[in-house]
Amino acid sequence: MTVKGWAITAGVGAAAGAVAVLMMPRTNPTRRLAAKAANKMEDVAWKVSDAVSDKIEQLDM
């Protein structure tokens, strides 16, 4: 399997898993854990974005 094929397969699998979790009731522990993980990933993404923006601003000066 090529890297492209593997990436497509992994992406489709991740999307299917996300849909399955979202179809679960809100009280389901798996859905709660997934929501917690998504919130933490969002926080990390914002921190990385802020750090990159700060570095770019420093380079422009």
N, C-alpha and C. Protein backbone atom coordinates (compact mmCIF):
# COMPACT_ATOMS: atom_id res chain seq x y z
N MET A 1 0.85 -1.17 0.00
CA MET A 1 0.00 0.00 0.00
C MET A 1 0.90 1.23 0.00
N THR A 2 0.56 2.18 -0.83
CA THR A 2 1.35 3.40 -0.90
C THR A 2 0.98 4.32 0.27
N VAL A 3 1.77 5.33 0.45
CA VAL A 3 1.51 6.29 1.52
C VAL A 3 0.18 7.01 1.26
N LYS A 4 -0.07 7.33 0.00
CA LYS A 4 -1.33 8.01 -0.34
C LYS A 4 -2.52 7.13 0.00
N GLY A 5 -2.44 5.86 -0.34
CA GLY A 5 -3.53 4.93 -0.03
C GLY A 5 -3.73 4.77 1.46
N TRP A 6 -2.61 4.71 2.19
CA TRP A 6 -2.70 4.57 3.64
C TRP A 6 -3.35 5.82 4.25
N ALA A 7 -2.95 7.00 3.77
CA ALA A 7 -3.50 8.25 4.31
C ALA A 7 -5.00 8.35 4.05
N ILE A 8 -5.43 7.94 2.86
CA ILE A 8 -6.86 7.98 2.54
C ILE A 8 -7.62 7.02 3.44
N THR A 9 -7.07 5.81 3.61
CA THR A 9 -7.73 4.81 4.45
C THR A 9 -7.83 5.30 5.90
N ALA A 10 -6.75 5.88 6.40
CA ALA A 10 -6.75 6.39 7.78
C ALA A 10 -7.75 7.53 7.93
N GLY A 11 -7.82 8.41 6.94
CA GLY A 11 -8.76 9.53 7.00
C GLY A 11 -10.20 9.07 6.99
N VAL A 12 -10.50 8.11 6.13
CA VAL A 12 -11.87 7.58 6.08
C VAL A 12 -12.21 6.88 7.39
N GLY A 13 -11.27 6.13 7.94
CA GLY A 13 -11.50 5.44 9.21
C GLY A 13 -11.74 6.42 10.35
N ALA A 14 -10.95 7.49 10.38
CA ALA A 14 -11.11 8.49 11.43
C ALA A 14 -12.46 9.19 11.30
N ALA A 15 -12.85 9.50 10.08
CA ALA A 15 -14.14 10.16 9.87
C ALA A 15 -15.29 9.25 10.28
N ALA A 16 -15.20 7.97 9.94
CA ALA A 16 -16.25 7.03 10.32
C ALA A 16 -16.33 6.89 11.84
N GLY A 17 -15.19 6.86 12.49
CA GLY A 17 -15.16 6.77 13.95
C GLY A 17 -15.76 8.00 14.60
N ALA A 18 -15.46 9.17 14.04
CA ALA A 18 -16.00 10.42 14.58
C ALA A 18 -17.52 10.45 14.45
N VAL A 19 -18.02 10.00 13.31
CA VAL A 19 -19.47 9.97 13.10
C VAL A 19 -20.11 9.01 14.10
N ALA A 20 -19.48 7.87 14.31
CA ALA A 20 -20.04 6.89 15.25
C ALA A 20 -20.10 7.46 16.66
N VAL A 21 -19.07 8.16 17.06
CA VAL A 21 -19.06 8.76 18.41
C VAL A 21 -20.12 9.84 18.52
N LEU A 22 -20.28 10.65 17.47
CA LEU A 22 -21.27 11.72 17.51
C LEU A 22 -22.70 11.19 17.54
N MET A 23 -22.91 9.97 17.06
CA MET A 23 -24.25 9.39 17.07
C MET A 23 -24.62 8.83 18.44
N MET A 24 -23.66 8.72 19.33
CA MET A 24 -23.93 8.19 20.67
C MET A 24 -24.66 9.24 21.50
N PRO A 25 -25.41 8.81 22.51
CA PRO A 25 -26.08 9.77 23.40
C PRO A 25 -25.04 10.62 24.15
N ARG A 26 -25.43 11.82 24.50
CA ARG A 26 -24.50 12.74 25.18
C ARG A 26 -24.03 12.20 26.53
N THR A 27 -24.79 11.31 27.13
CA THR A 27 -24.41 10.78 28.44
C THR A 27 -23.44 9.60 28.34
N ASN A 28 -23.16 9.14 27.13
CA ASN A 28 -22.27 8.01 26.93
C ASN A 28 -20.84 8.40 27.33
N PRO A 29 -20.17 7.58 28.15
CA PRO A 29 -18.81 7.91 28.58
C PRO A 29 -17.82 8.05 27.43
N THR A 30 -18.00 7.28 26.37
CA THR A 30 -17.10 7.39 25.22
C THR A 30 -17.24 8.74 24.56
N ARG A 31 -18.47 9.20 24.41
CA ARG A 31 -18.69 10.51 23.80
C ARG A 31 -18.12 11.62 24.68
N ARG A 32 -18.30 11.49 25.98
CA ARG A 32 -17.74 12.50 26.90
C ARG A 32 -16.22 12.55 26.80
N LEU A 33 -15.60 11.37 26.74
CA LEU A 33 -14.14 11.31 26.62
C LEU A 33 -13.68 11.92 25.30
N ALA A 34 -14.40 11.63 24.23
CA ALA A 34 -14.06 12.20 22.92
C ALA A 34 -14.20 13.72 22.93
N ALA A 35 -15.23 14.22 23.59
CA ALA A 35 -15.43 15.67 23.67
C ALA A 35 -14.30 16.32 24.46
N LYS A 36 -13.88 15.67 25.55
CA LYS A 36 -12.77 16.19 26.35
C LYS A 36 -11.49 16.26 25.51
N ALA A 37 -11.24 15.18 24.77
CA ALA A 37 -10.04 15.13 23.93
C ALA A 37 -10.09 16.20 22.84
N ALA A 38 -11.27 16.40 22.26
CA ALA A 38 -11.41 17.42 21.21
C ALA A 38 -11.17 18.81 21.78
N ASN A 39 -11.67 19.07 22.99
CA ASN A 39 -11.45 20.37 23.62
C ASN A 39 -9.97 20.61 23.90
N LYS A 40 -9.28 19.58 24.37
CA LYS A 40 -7.85 19.73 24.64
C LYS A 40 -7.07 19.97 23.36
N MET A 41 -7.45 19.28 22.29
CA MET A 41 -6.78 19.47 21.01
C MET A 41 -7.01 20.87 20.47
N GLU A 42 -8.22 21.39 20.68
CA GLU A 42 -8.51 22.75 20.25
C GLU A 42 -7.65 23.75 21.02
N ASP A 43 -7.50 23.54 22.32
CA ASP A 43 -6.66 24.42 23.13
C ASP A 43 -5.22 24.39 22.65
N VAL A 44 -4.71 23.21 22.36
CA VAL A 44 -3.33 23.08 21.87
C VAL A 44 -3.18 23.78 20.52
N ALA A 45 -4.17 23.61 19.65
CA ALA A 45 -4.10 24.25 18.34
C ALA A 45 -4.06 25.77 18.46
N TRP A 46 -4.87 26.32 19.38
CA TRP A 46 -4.85 27.77 19.59
C TRP A 46 -3.49 28.23 20.12
N LYS A 47 -2.92 27.47 21.05
CA LYS A 47 -1.61 27.84 21.61
C LYS A 47 -0.54 27.81 20.54
N VAL A 48 -0.56 26.79 19.70
CA VAL A 48 0.42 26.70 18.62
C VAL A 48 0.23 27.84 17.64
N SER A 49 -1.01 28.14 17.30
CA SER A 49 -1.31 29.23 16.38
C SER A 49 -0.81 30.56 16.93
N ASP A 50 -1.06 30.80 18.22
CA ASP A 50 -0.59 32.03 18.85
C ASP A 50 0.93 32.12 18.84
N ALA A 51 1.60 31.01 19.14
CA ALA A 51 3.06 31.00 19.17
C ALA A 51 3.63 31.26 17.78
N VAL A 52 3.04 30.66 16.77
CA VAL A 52 3.51 30.88 15.40
C VAL A 52 3.29 32.33 14.99
N SER A 53 2.13 32.87 15.33
CA SER A 53 1.84 34.27 15.00
C SER A 53 2.83 35.21 15.68
N ASP A 54 3.15 34.93 16.94
CA ASP A 54 4.12 35.75 17.66
C ASP A 54 5.50 35.70 17.00
N LYS A 55 5.91 34.52 16.58
CA LYS A 55 7.22 34.37 15.92
C LYS A 55 7.24 35.14 14.60
N ILE A 56 6.15 35.06 13.84
CA ILE A 56 6.08 35.77 12.56
C ILE A 56 6.13 37.27 12.78
N GLU A 57 5.42 37.75 13.80
CA GLU A 57 5.45 39.17 14.12
C GLU A 57 6.85 39.63 14.51
N GLN A 58 7.57 38.79 15.23
CA GLN A 58 8.94 39.13 15.63
C GLN A 58 9.85 39.21 14.41
N LEU A 59 9.63 38.36 13.43
CA LEU A 59 10.45 38.36 12.22
C LEU A 59 10.17 39.58 11.36
N ASP A 60 8.94 40.08 11.39
CA ASP A 60 8.58 41.25 10.59
C ASP A 60 9.20 42.53 11.12
N MET A 61 9.58 42.56 12.38
CA MET A 61 10.12 43.77 12.98
C MET A 61 11.54 43.96 12.60
